[in-house]
Amino acid sequence: MYLDKNVGVIDRLYRALFGIMLLLIAFFWIGGILRIILYIIAIVLLANAVTGFCLIYKVLGISTYIKLKDSQYDEKKKWMVIGAICFLLIGSIGSHFITKNNFLKDFGRINKDYKSLLLSASGGNRAQATADYERLAKDYEEFYEKYSIYQPFVVRQDKDFKRDIEKIRAFIDDSRHKIIYGNITAGYASLESIRPVINDLRRRNKLEGDRAAFSDFYGPMQILIEAAEAGDIQEVERAYLIADERLKYIESFMNNSEVELIRINLDSVYSLAKKGEVEKLPARTAELESRYLSAYLEAG
């Protein structure tokens, strides 16, 4: 079919802008089948704008096309292209910024709920832990329903994102009975399984700031504690070197009393293990874990 132009310059501009808007919405803001539908509509509108031909107009016998002189057409076309490109660039930058911030806000709320539950569960406060669990379960279900279908651009390249949010959901479900009715210590242990998943997700997608260094410090700290209690001096040496390096990084940007106490207790656990003073370790390791948890929660 010969494509007689039947779309005028202003009409083409509107179609181009509306097509770009739908393209941005589909790419940055939504997921699922609706995204595909908007992509199709956007492509059709952009094709109309580029070719100046609309099949629906052709069928209905409508035309907004007005033949212009070459100089007039070239000038209008130039500004139309410039306007469309600017709209695309500004829309892309703005959409990425806003959707990333929205995701970080949602992710931060879940992380805050999680830390509150860790604190109440670690203290054996069942009433508070139950309330914290219910809040986390509710907020996370909303988070899961939203982001299992739609992934903002900031995490879209992460092929493990869906797997990780499913794992977190499973760990939350697994800890429910233990937190509310059963062994709250076992529930706390189940919840601790969430921490490395969150940390990996944050690192892969470059979501973490300096405060996430506390999470990186946690692993070698625990290895050090376990090795010290088992009397494995070689493992103590290895774990301490890693923990010391990561704690130094924390100290480079945060030097409050809690961090100072983490340093004192970390070095003390290492020293007691080296000296073989096993009887003094439980009190010191408990203090180290307590100070770490306090600093971790304060870090947000």
C-alpha atoms as a PDB file:
ATOM      1  CA  MET A   1       0.000   0.000   0.000  1.00  0.00           C
ATOM      2  CA  TYR A   2       1.340   3.432  -0.969  1.00  0.00           C
ATOM      3  CA  LEU A   3       1.686   5.566   2.137  1.00  0.00           C
ATOM      4  CA  ASP A   4       0.046   8.867   1.225  1.00  0.00           C
ATOM      5  CA  LYS A   5       0.792  11.361   3.999  1.00  0.00           C
ATOM      6  CA  ASN A   6      -2.349  12.064   5.982  1.00  0.00           C
ATOM      7  CA  VAL A   7      -0.861  13.317   9.279  1.00  0.00           C
ATOM      8  CA  GLY A   8       0.048  16.994   9.582  1.00  0.00           C
ATOM      9  CA  VAL A   9       3.184  18.424  11.203  1.00  0.00           C
ATOM     10  CA  ILE A  10       1.535  19.415  14.509  1.00  0.00           C
ATOM     11  CA  ASP A  11      -0.339  16.089  14.570  1.00  0.00           C
ATOM     12  CA  ARG A  12       2.962  14.266  14.052  1.00  0.00           C
ATOM     13  CA  LEU A  13       4.555  16.216  16.887  1.00  0.00           C
ATOM     14  CA  TYR A  14       1.749  15.287  19.284  1.00  0.00           C
ATOM     15  CA  ARG A  15       2.012  11.649  18.258  1.00  0.00           C
ATOM     16  CA  ALA A  16       5.768  11.678  18.710  1.00  0.00           C
ATOM     17  CA  LEU A  17       5.536  13.219  22.191  1.00  0.00           C
ATOM     18  CA  PHE A  18       2.689  10.945  23.283  1.00  0.00           C
ATOM     19  CA  GLY A  19       4.508   7.918  21.859  1.00  0.00           C
ATOM     20  CA  ILE A  20       7.676   8.840  23.749  1.00  0.00           C
ATOM     21  CA  MET A  21       5.654   9.349  26.935  1.00  0.00           C
ATOM     22  CA  LEU A  22       4.111   5.877  26.601  1.00  0.00           C
ATOM     23  CA  LEU A  23       7.545   4.439  25.831  1.00  0.00           C
ATOM     24  CA  LEU A  24       8.957   5.982  29.010  1.00  0.00           C
ATOM     25  CA  ILE A  25       6.027   4.741  31.105  1.00  0.00           C
ATOM     26  CA  ALA A  26       6.390   1.218  29.694  1.00  0.00           C
ATOM     27  CA  PHE A  27      10.173   1.133  30.147  1.00  0.00           C
ATOM     28  CA  PHE A  28      10.528   2.756  33.568  1.00  0.00           C
ATOM     29  CA  TRP A  29       7.219   2.613  35.395  1.00  0.00           C
ATOM     30  CA  ILE A  30       5.265  -0.602  34.801  1.00  0.00           C
ATOM     31  CA  GLY A  31       5.641  -4.315  34.124  1.00  0.00           C
ATOM     32  CA  GLY A  32       3.686  -7.320  32.942  1.00  0.00           C
ATOM     33  CA  ILE A  33       1.274  -7.423  30.029  1.00  0.00           C
ATOM     34  CA  LEU A  34       0.456  -3.707  30.327  1.00  0.00           C
ATOM     35  CA  ARG A  35       4.072  -2.894  29.463  1.00  0.00           C
ATOM     36  CA  ILE A  36       3.805  -4.868  26.214  1.00  0.00           C
ATOM     37  CA  ILE A  37       0.534  -3.141  25.295  1.00  0.00           C
ATOM     38  CA  LEU A  38       2.024   0.312  25.860  1.00  0.00           C
ATOM     39  CA  TYR A  39       5.132  -0.605  23.852  1.00  0.00           C
ATOM     40  CA  ILE A  40       2.924  -1.562  20.891  1.00  0.00           C
ATOM     41  CA  ILE A  41       0.885   1.662  21.085  1.00  0.00           C
ATOM     42  CA  ALA A  42       4.065   3.736  21.436  1.00  0.00           C
ATOM     43  CA  ILE A  43       5.668   2.093  18.383  1.00  0.00           C
ATOM     44  CA  VAL A  44       2.548   2.720  16.291  1.00  0.00           C
ATOM     45  CA  LEU A  45       2.415   6.399  17.304  1.00  0.00           C
ATOM     46  CA  LEU A  46       6.120   6.907  16.655  1.00  0.00           C
ATOM     47  CA  ALA A  47       5.764   5.210  13.254  1.00  0.00           C
ATOM     48  CA  ASN A  48       2.903   7.623  12.466  1.00  0.00           C
ATOM     49  CA  ALA A  49       5.102  10.548  13.476  1.00  0.00           C
ATOM     50  CA  VAL A  50       8.056   9.403  11.372  1.00  0.00           C
ATOM     51  CA  THR A  51       6.150   8.434   8.202  1.00  0.00           C
ATOM     52  CA  GLY A  52       3.318  10.943   8.390  1.00  0.00           C
ATOM     53  CA  PHE A  53       0.854   8.142   7.667  1.00  0.00           C
ATOM     54  CA  CYS A  54      -1.947   6.793   9.901  1.00  0.00           C
ATOM     55  CA  LEU A  55      -3.847   3.671   8.821  1.00  0.00           C
ATOM     56  CA  ILE A  56      -6.880   4.596  10.944  1.00  0.00           C
ATOM     57  CA  TYR A  57      -7.045   7.995   9.236  1.00  0.00           C
ATOM     58  CA  LYS A  58      -6.814   6.204   5.895  1.00  0.00           C
ATOM     59  CA  VAL A  59      -9.731   3.896   6.729  1.00  0.00           C
ATOM     60  CA  LEU A  60     -11.856   6.763   8.067  1.00  0.00           C
ATOM     61  CA  GLY A  61     -10.921   9.108   5.249  1.00  0.00           C
ATOM     62  CA  ILE A  62      -9.375  11.674   7.606  1.00  0.00           C
ATOM     63  CA  SER A  63      -6.327  13.834   6.886  1.00  0.00           C
ATOM     64  CA  THR A  64      -4.625  16.608   8.837  1.00  0.00           C
ATOM     65  CA  TYR A  65      -1.825  16.881   6.299  1.00  0.00           C
ATOM     66  CA  ILE A  66      -1.105  20.270   4.741  1.00  0.00           C
ATOM     67  CA  LYS A  67       1.578  20.467   2.108  1.00  0.00           C
ATOM     68  CA  LEU A  68       4.216  23.011   3.050  1.00  0.00           C
ATOM     69  CA  LYS A  69       7.099  24.548   1.186  1.00  0.00           C
ATOM     70  CA  ASP A  70      10.335  22.632   1.617  1.00  0.00           C
ATOM     71  CA  SER A  71      11.888  25.430   3.680  1.00  0.00           C
ATOM     72  CA  GLN A  72       8.877  25.602   6.008  1.00  0.00           C
ATOM     73  CA  TYR A  73       8.721  21.839   6.384  1.00  0.00           C
ATOM     74  CA  ASP A  74      12.439  21.475   7.100  1.00  0.00           C
ATOM     75  CA  GLU A  75      12.310  24.155   9.798  1.00  0.00           C
ATOM     76  CA  LYS A  76       9.290  22.613  11.535  1.00  0.00           C
ATOM     77  CA  LYS A  77      10.782  19.118  11.219  1.00  0.00           C
ATOM     78  CA  LYS A  78      14.054  20.286  12.765  1.00  0.00           C
ATOM     79  CA  TRP A  79      12.348  21.728  15.831  1.00  0.00           C
ATOM     80  CA  MET A  80      10.057  18.725  16.099  1.00  0.00           C
ATOM     81  CA  VAL A  81      13.047  16.364  16.208  1.00  0.00           C
ATOM     82  CA  ILE A  82      14.895  18.559  18.713  1.00  0.00           C
ATOM     83  CA  GLY A  83      11.808  18.746  20.937  1.00  0.00           C
ATOM     84  CA  ALA A  84      11.246  14.984  20.794  1.00  0.00           C
ATOM     85  CA  ILE A  85      14.898  14.222  21.655  1.00  0.00           C
ATOM     86  CA  CYS A  86      14.862  16.679  24.586  1.00  0.00           C
ATOM     87  CA  PHE A  87      11.618  15.195  25.870  1.00  0.00           C
ATOM     88  CA  LEU A  88      13.081  11.686  25.614  1.00  0.00           C
ATOM     89  CA  LEU A  89      16.299  12.615  27.430  1.00  0.00           C
ATOM     90  CA  ILE A  90      14.652  14.618  30.196  1.00  0.00           C
ATOM     91  CA  GLY A  91      11.934  12.002  30.616  1.00  0.00           C
ATOM     92  CA  SER A  92      14.475   9.159  30.801  1.00  0.00           C
ATOM     93  CA  ILE A  93      16.676  10.881  33.381  1.00  0.00           C
ATOM     94  CA  GLY A  94      13.702  11.964  35.475  1.00  0.00           C
ATOM     95  CA  SER A  95      11.988   8.577  35.307  1.00  0.00           C
ATOM     96  CA  HIS A  96      15.158   6.717  36.282  1.00  0.00           C
ATOM     97  CA  PHE A  97      15.790   9.063  39.209  1.00  0.00           C
ATOM     98  CA  ILE A  98      12.221   8.938  40.528  1.00  0.00           C
ATOM     99  CA  THR A  99      11.704   5.176  40.102  1.00  0.00           C
ATOM    100  CA  LYS A 100      15.075   4.467  41.731  1.00  0.00           C
ATOM    101  CA  ASN A 101      14.198   6.676  44.700  1.00  0.00           C
ATOM    102  CA  ASN A 102      10.783   5.028  44.995  1.00  0.00           C
ATOM    103  CA  PHE A 103      12.404   1.591  45.030  1.00  0.00           C
ATOM    104  CA  LEU A 104      15.013   2.645  47.600  1.00  0.00           C
ATOM    105  CA  LYS A 105      12.265   4.079  49.793  1.00  0.00           C
ATOM    106  CA  ASP A 106      10.300   0.813  49.641  1.00  0.00           C
ATOM    107  CA  PHE A 107      13.464  -1.243  50.145  1.00  0.00           C
ATOM    108  CA  GLY A 108      14.499   0.957  53.068  1.00  0.00           C
ATOM    109  CA  ARG A 109      11.130   0.497  54.773  1.00  0.00           C
ATOM    110  CA  ILE A 110      11.508  -3.288  54.544  1.00  0.00           C
ATOM    111  CA  ASN A 111      15.060  -3.097  55.839  1.00  0.00           C
ATOM    112  CA  LYS A 112      13.942  -0.946  58.776  1.00  0.00           C
ATOM    113  CA  ASP A 113      11.157  -3.420  59.633  1.00  0.00           C
ATOM    114  CA  TYR A 114      13.645  -6.279  59.414  1.00  0.00           C
ATOM    115  CA  LYS A 115      16.164  -4.617  61.729  1.00  0.00           C
ATOM    116  CA  SER A 116      13.482  -3.805  64.293  1.00  0.00           C
ATOM    117  CA  LEU A 117      12.399  -7.450  64.299  1.00  0.00           C
ATOM    118  CA  LEU A 118      15.997  -8.606  64.698  1.00  0.00           C
ATOM    119  CA  LEU A 119      16.411  -6.369  67.714  1.00  0.00           C
ATOM    120  CA  SER A 120      13.232  -7.491  69.476  1.00  0.00           C
ATOM    121  CA  ALA A 121      13.823 -11.180  68.642  1.00  0.00           C
ATOM    122  CA  SER A 122      17.445 -11.066  69.823  1.00  0.00           C
ATOM    123  CA  GLY A 123      16.241  -9.704  73.166  1.00  0.00           C
ATOM    124  CA  GLY A 124      13.630 -12.463  73.530  1.00  0.00           C
ATOM    125  CA  ASN A 125      10.777  -9.943  73.713  1.00  0.00           C
ATOM    126  CA  ARG A 126       7.994 -12.062  72.202  1.00  0.00           C
ATOM    127  CA  ALA A 127       5.243  -9.433  72.352  1.00  0.00           C
ATOM    128  CA  GLN A 128       7.355  -6.828  70.585  1.00  0.00           C
ATOM    129  CA  ALA A 129       8.814  -9.413  68.200  1.00  0.00           C
ATOM    130  CA  THR A 130       5.293 -10.549  67.248  1.00  0.00           C
ATOM    131  CA  ALA A 131       4.230  -6.983  66.501  1.00  0.00           C
ATOM    132  CA  ASP A 132       7.427  -6.362  64.528  1.00  0.00           C
ATOM    133  CA  TYR A 133       6.961  -9.616  62.628  1.00  0.00           C
ATOM    134  CA  GLU A 134       3.392  -8.765  61.621  1.00  0.00           C
ATOM    135  CA  ARG A 135       4.503  -5.368  60.354  1.00  0.00           C
ATOM    136  CA  LEU A 136       7.410  -6.853  58.375  1.00  0.00           C
ATOM    137  CA  ALA A 137       5.233  -9.615  56.902  1.00  0.00           C
ATOM    138  CA  LYS A 138       2.576  -7.110  55.800  1.00  0.00           C
ATOM    139  CA  ASP A 139       5.010  -4.598  54.320  1.00  0.00           C
ATOM    140  CA  TYR A 140       7.077  -7.271  52.620  1.00  0.00           C
ATOM    141  CA  GLU A 141       4.034  -8.880  51.007  1.00  0.00           C
ATOM    142  CA  GLU A 142       3.177  -5.499  49.456  1.00  0.00           C
ATOM    143  CA  PHE A 143       6.800  -5.100  48.355  1.00  0.00           C
ATOM    144  CA  TYR A 144       6.854  -8.612  46.876  1.00  0.00           C
ATOM    145  CA  GLU A 145       3.572  -8.224  44.988  1.00  0.00           C
ATOM    146  CA  LYS A 146       4.796  -4.982  43.451  1.00  0.00           C
ATOM    147  CA  TYR A 147       8.351  -5.921  42.507  1.00  0.00           C
ATOM    148  CA  SER A 148       7.821  -9.548  41.491  1.00  0.00           C
ATOM    149  CA  ILE A 149       5.900  -8.175  38.487  1.00  0.00           C
ATOM    150  CA  TYR A 150       7.608  -4.837  37.972  1.00  0.00           C
ATOM    151  CA  GLN A 151      11.350  -4.244  38.265  1.00  0.00           C
ATOM    152  CA  PRO A 152      12.560  -0.631  38.072  1.00  0.00           C
ATOM    153  CA  PHE A 153      15.535   0.022  35.835  1.00  0.00           C
ATOM    154  CA  VAL A 154      17.927   0.140  38.799  1.00  0.00           C
ATOM    155  CA  VAL A 155      17.505  -3.635  39.366  1.00  0.00           C
ATOM    156  CA  ARG A 156      16.286  -4.778  35.937  1.00  0.00           C
ATOM    157  CA  GLN A 157      19.660  -6.137  34.834  1.00  0.00           C
ATOM    158  CA  ASP A 158      19.912  -8.275  37.977  1.00  0.00           C
ATOM    159  CA  LYS A 159      18.952 -11.787  36.856  1.00  0.00           C
ATOM    160  CA  ASP A 160      18.861 -12.974  40.488  1.00  0.00           C
ATOM    161  CA  PHE A 161      16.550 -10.226  41.760  1.00  0.00           C
ATOM    162  CA  LYS A 162      13.333 -12.256  41.571  1.00  0.00           C
ATOM    163  CA  ARG A 163      15.013 -15.293  43.085  1.00  0.00           C
ATOM    164  CA  ASP A 164      16.296 -13.219  46.009  1.00  0.00           C
ATOM    165  CA  ILE A 165      12.989 -11.548  46.864  1.00  0.00           C
ATOM    166  CA  GLU A 166      11.388 -15.009  46.791  1.00  0.00           C
ATOM    167  CA  LYS A 167      14.068 -16.331  49.162  1.00  0.00           C
ATOM    168  CA  ILE A 168      13.489 -13.447  51.570  1.00  0.00           C
ATOM    169  CA  ARG A 169       9.762 -14.139  51.488  1.00  0.00           C
ATOM    170  CA  ALA A 170      10.411 -17.823  52.276  1.00  0.00           C
ATOM    171  CA  PHE A 171      12.678 -16.976  55.240  1.00  0.00           C
ATOM    172  CA  ILE A 172      10.062 -14.583  56.642  1.00  0.00           C
ATOM    173  CA  ASP A 173       7.379 -17.284  56.337  1.00  0.00           C
ATOM    174  CA  ASP A 174       9.688 -19.872  57.899  1.00  0.00           C
ATOM    175  CA  SER A 175      10.323 -17.726  60.976  1.00  0.00           C
ATOM    176  CA  ARG A 176       6.649 -16.944  61.654  1.00  0.00           C
ATOM    177  CA  HIS A 177       5.707 -19.822  63.957  1.00  0.00           C
ATOM    178  CA  LYS A 178       9.031 -19.648  65.801  1.00  0.00           C
ATOM    179  CA  ILE A 179       8.723 -15.922  66.483  1.00  0.00           C
ATOM    180  CA  ILE A 180       5.064 -15.916  67.489  1.00  0.00           C
ATOM    181  CA  TYR A 181       4.610 -19.303  69.204  1.00  0.00           C
ATOM    182  CA  GLY A 182       7.802 -21.366  69.257  1.00  0.00           C
ATOM    183  CA  ASN A 183      11.494 -21.007  69.977  1.00  0.00           C
ATOM    184  CA  ILE A 184      12.195 -17.307  69.454  1.00  0.00           C
ATOM    185  CA  THR A 185      15.952 -17.962  69.322  1.00  0.00           C
ATOM    186  CA  ALA A 186      15.398 -20.339  66.398  1.00  0.00           C
ATOM    187  CA  GLY A 187      13.199 -17.674  64.808  1.00  0.00           C
ATOM    188  CA  TYR A 188      16.021 -15.166  65.153  1.00  0.00           C
ATOM    189  CA  ALA A 189      18.374 -17.638  63.464  1.00  0.00           C
ATOM    190  CA  SER A 190      15.935 -18.025  60.559  1.00  0.00           C
ATOM    191  CA  LEU A 191      15.739 -14.259  60.189  1.00  0.00           C
ATOM    192  CA  GLU A 192      19.537 -13.990  60.129  1.00  0.00           C
ATOM    193  CA  SER A 193      19.451 -15.987  56.868  1.00  0.00           C
ATOM    194  CA  ILE A 194      17.876 -12.925  55.233  1.00  0.00           C
ATOM    195  CA  ARG A 195      20.872 -10.691  55.917  1.00  0.00           C
ATOM    196  CA  PRO A 196      23.317 -12.125  53.310  1.00  0.00           C
ATOM    197  CA  VAL A 197      20.556 -12.161  50.678  1.00  0.00           C
ATOM    198  CA  ILE A 198      19.854  -8.463  51.255  1.00  0.00           C
ATOM    199  CA  ASN A 199      23.552  -7.648  51.269  1.00  0.00           C
ATOM    200  CA  ASP A 200      24.184  -9.481  47.980  1.00  0.00           C
ATOM    201  CA  LEU A 201      21.207  -7.757  46.367  1.00  0.00           C
ATOM    202  CA  ARG A 202      22.449  -4.356  47.480  1.00  0.00           C
ATOM    203  CA  ARG A 203      26.018  -4.967  46.283  1.00  0.00           C
ATOM    204  CA  ARG A 204      25.028  -6.372  42.887  1.00  0.00           C
ATOM    205  CA  ASN A 205      22.850  -3.372  42.131  1.00  0.00           C
ATOM    206  CA  LYS A 206      25.108  -0.792  43.791  1.00  0.00           C
ATOM    207  CA  LEU A 207      22.345   0.178  46.202  1.00  0.00           C
ATOM    208  CA  GLU A 208      24.483   0.306  49.294  1.00  0.00           C
ATOM    209  CA  GLY A 209      26.101   3.359  50.758  1.00  0.00           C
ATOM    210  CA  ASP A 210      28.821   3.512  53.387  1.00  0.00           C
ATOM    211  CA  ARG A 211      26.466   2.203  56.045  1.00  0.00           C
ATOM    212  CA  ALA A 212      26.198  -1.145  54.301  1.00  0.00           C
ATOM    213  CA  ALA A 213      29.820  -1.743  55.317  1.00  0.00           C
ATOM    214  CA  PHE A 214      28.385  -2.919  58.660  1.00  0.00           C
ATOM    215  CA  SER A 215      26.773  -5.807  56.802  1.00  0.00           C
ATOM    216  CA  ASP A 216      30.084  -6.665  55.119  1.00  0.00           C
ATOM    217  CA  PHE A 217      31.773  -6.722  58.524  1.00  0.00           C
ATOM    218  CA  TYR A 218      29.213  -9.101  60.019  1.00  0.00           C
ATOM    219  CA  GLY A 219      30.334 -12.291  58.228  1.00  0.00           C
ATOM    220  CA  PRO A 220      34.020 -12.292  59.261  1.00  0.00           C
ATOM    221  CA  MET A 221      33.026 -11.153  62.763  1.00  0.00           C
ATOM    222  CA  GLN A 222      30.853 -14.249  63.170  1.00  0.00           C
ATOM    223  CA  ILE A 223      33.563 -16.519  61.753  1.00  0.00           C
ATOM    224  CA  LEU A 224      36.040 -15.028  64.227  1.00  0.00           C
ATOM    225  CA  ILE A 225      33.674 -15.636  67.151  1.00  0.00           C
ATOM    226  CA  GLU A 226      32.996 -19.244  66.163  1.00  0.00           C
ATOM    227  CA  ALA A 227      36.689 -19.965  65.566  1.00  0.00           C
ATOM    228  CA  ALA A 228      37.635 -18.380  68.910  1.00  0.00           C
ATOM    229  CA  GLU A 229      35.078 -20.479  70.790  1.00  0.00           C
ATOM    230  CA  ALA A 230      36.314 -23.608  68.983  1.00  0.00           C
ATOM    231  CA  GLY A 231      39.953 -22.796  69.708  1.00  0.00           C
ATOM    232  CA  ASP A 232      40.860 -22.754  66.005  1.00  0.00           C
ATOM    233  CA  ILE A 233      43.724 -20.240  66.129  1.00  0.00           C
ATOM    234  CA  GLN A 234      44.506 -20.466  62.414  1.00  0.00           C
ATOM    235  CA  GLU A 235      40.926 -19.586  61.518  1.00  0.00           C
ATOM    236  CA  VAL A 236      40.935 -16.847  64.167  1.00  0.00           C
ATOM    237  CA  GLU A 237      43.951 -15.258  62.469  1.00  0.00           C
ATOM    238  CA  ARG A 238      42.337 -15.416  59.023  1.00  0.00           C
ATOM    239  CA  ALA A 239      38.953 -14.081  60.138  1.00  0.00           C
ATOM    240  CA  TYR A 240      40.484 -11.302  62.220  1.00  0.00           C
ATOM    241  CA  LEU A 241      42.488  -9.954  59.274  1.00  0.00           C
ATOM    242  CA  ILE A 242      39.310  -9.638  57.191  1.00  0.00           C
ATOM    243  CA  ALA A 243      37.196  -8.261  60.052  1.00  0.00           C
ATOM    244  CA  ASP A 244      39.917  -5.782  60.978  1.00  0.00           C
ATOM    245  CA  GLU A 245      40.167  -4.495  57.417  1.00  0.00           C
ATOM    246  CA  ARG A 246      36.387  -4.020  57.108  1.00  0.00           C
ATOM    247  CA  LEU A 247      36.122  -2.378  60.503  1.00  0.00           C
ATOM    248  CA  LYS A 248      38.869   0.064  59.510  1.00  0.00           C
ATOM    249  CA  TYR A 249      36.724   1.068  56.546  1.00  0.00           C
ATOM    250  CA  ILE A 250      33.784   1.744  58.885  1.00  0.00           C
ATOM    251  CA  GLU A 251      36.067   3.756  61.162  1.00  0.00           C
ATOM    252  CA  SER A 252      37.106   5.884  58.170  1.00  0.00           C
ATOM    253  CA  PHE A 253      33.649   7.442  57.942  1.00  0.00           C
ATOM    254  CA  MET A 254      32.063   6.752  61.337  1.00  0.00           C
ATOM    255  CA  ASN A 255      33.912   7.102  64.582  1.00  0.00           C
ATOM    256  CA  ASN A 256      31.267   7.218  67.309  1.00  0.00           C
ATOM    257  CA  SER A 257      31.263   5.442  70.659  1.00  0.00           C
ATOM    258  CA  GLU A 258      29.483   2.342  69.312  1.00  0.00           C
ATOM    259  CA  VAL A 259      32.129   1.803  66.645  1.00  0.00           C
ATOM    260  CA  GLU A 260      34.871   2.362  69.208  1.00  0.00           C
ATOM    261  CA  LEU A 261      33.306  -0.332  71.416  1.00  0.00           C
ATOM    262  CA  ILE A 262      33.121  -2.715  68.458  1.00  0.00           C
ATOM    263  CA  ARG A 263      36.851  -2.179  67.922  1.00  0.00           C
ATOM    264  CA  ILE A 264      37.655  -2.735  71.603  1.00  0.00           C
ATOM    265  CA  ASN A 265      35.622  -5.943  71.779  1.00  0.00           C
ATOM    266  CA  LEU A 266      36.859  -7.281  68.434  1.00  0.00           C
ATOM    267  CA  ASP A 267      40.479  -6.844  69.457  1.00  0.00           C
ATOM    268  CA  SER A 268      39.726  -8.321  72.869  1.00  0.00           C
ATOM    269  CA  VAL A 269      38.146 -11.465  71.374  1.00  0.00           C
ATOM    270  CA  TYR A 270      41.183 -11.884  69.134  1.00  0.00           C
ATOM    271  CA  SER A 271      43.585 -11.395  72.067  1.00  0.00           C
ATOM    272  CA  LEU A 272      41.735 -13.819  74.370  1.00  0.00           C
ATOM    273  CA  ALA A 273      41.637 -16.477  71.648  1.00  0.00           C
ATOM    274  CA  LYS A 274      45.375 -16.120  71.034  1.00  0.00           C
ATOM    275  CA  LYS A 275      46.061 -16.448  74.756  1.00  0.00           C
ATOM    276  CA  GLY A 276      43.756 -19.434  75.103  1.00  0.00           C
ATOM    277  CA  GLU A 277      41.629 -17.726  77.765  1.00  0.00           C
ATOM    278  CA  VAL A 278      38.482 -19.521  76.634  1.00  0.00           C
ATOM    279  CA  GLU A 279      36.544 -18.918  79.860  1.00  0.00           C
ATOM    280  CA  LYS A 280      36.514 -15.159  79.210  1.00  0.00           C
ATOM    281  CA  LEU A 281      35.306 -15.433  75.619  1.00  0.00           C
ATOM    282  CA  PRO A 282      31.497 -15.824  76.057  1.00  0.00           C
ATOM    283  CA  ALA A 283      31.076 -12.493  77.839  1.00  0.00           C
ATOM    284  CA  ARG A 284      33.314 -10.704  75.352  1.00  0.00           C
ATOM    285  CA  THR A 285      31.723 -12.216  72.226  1.00  0.00           C
ATOM    286  CA  ALA A 286      28.249 -11.407  73.565  1.00  0.00           C
ATOM    287  CA  GLU A 287      29.326  -7.810  74.106  1.00  0.00           C
ATOM    288  CA  LEU A 288      30.793  -7.654  70.592  1.00  0.00           C
ATOM    289  CA  GLU A 289      27.563  -8.932  69.010  1.00  0.00           C
ATOM    290  CA  SER A 290      25.472  -6.560  71.108  1.00  0.00           C
ATOM    291  CA  ARG A 291      27.572  -3.533  70.131  1.00  0.00           C
ATOM    292  CA  TYR A 292      27.524  -4.564  66.488  1.00  0.00           C
ATOM    293  CA  LEU A 293      23.734  -4.915  66.428  1.00  0.00           C
ATOM    294  CA  SER A 294      23.302  -1.535  68.119  1.00  0.00           C
ATOM    295  CA  ALA A 295      25.618   0.183  65.608  1.00  0.00           C
ATOM    296  CA  TYR A 296      24.021  -1.660  62.669  1.00  0.00           C
ATOM    297  CA  LEU A 297      20.537  -0.475  63.645  1.00  0.00           C
ATOM    298  CA  GLU A 298      21.773   3.061  64.253  1.00  0.00           C
ATOM    299  CA  ALA A 299      23.384   3.101  60.808  1.00  0.00           C
ATOM    300  CA  GLY A 300      19.927   2.663  59.219  1.00  0.00           C
END
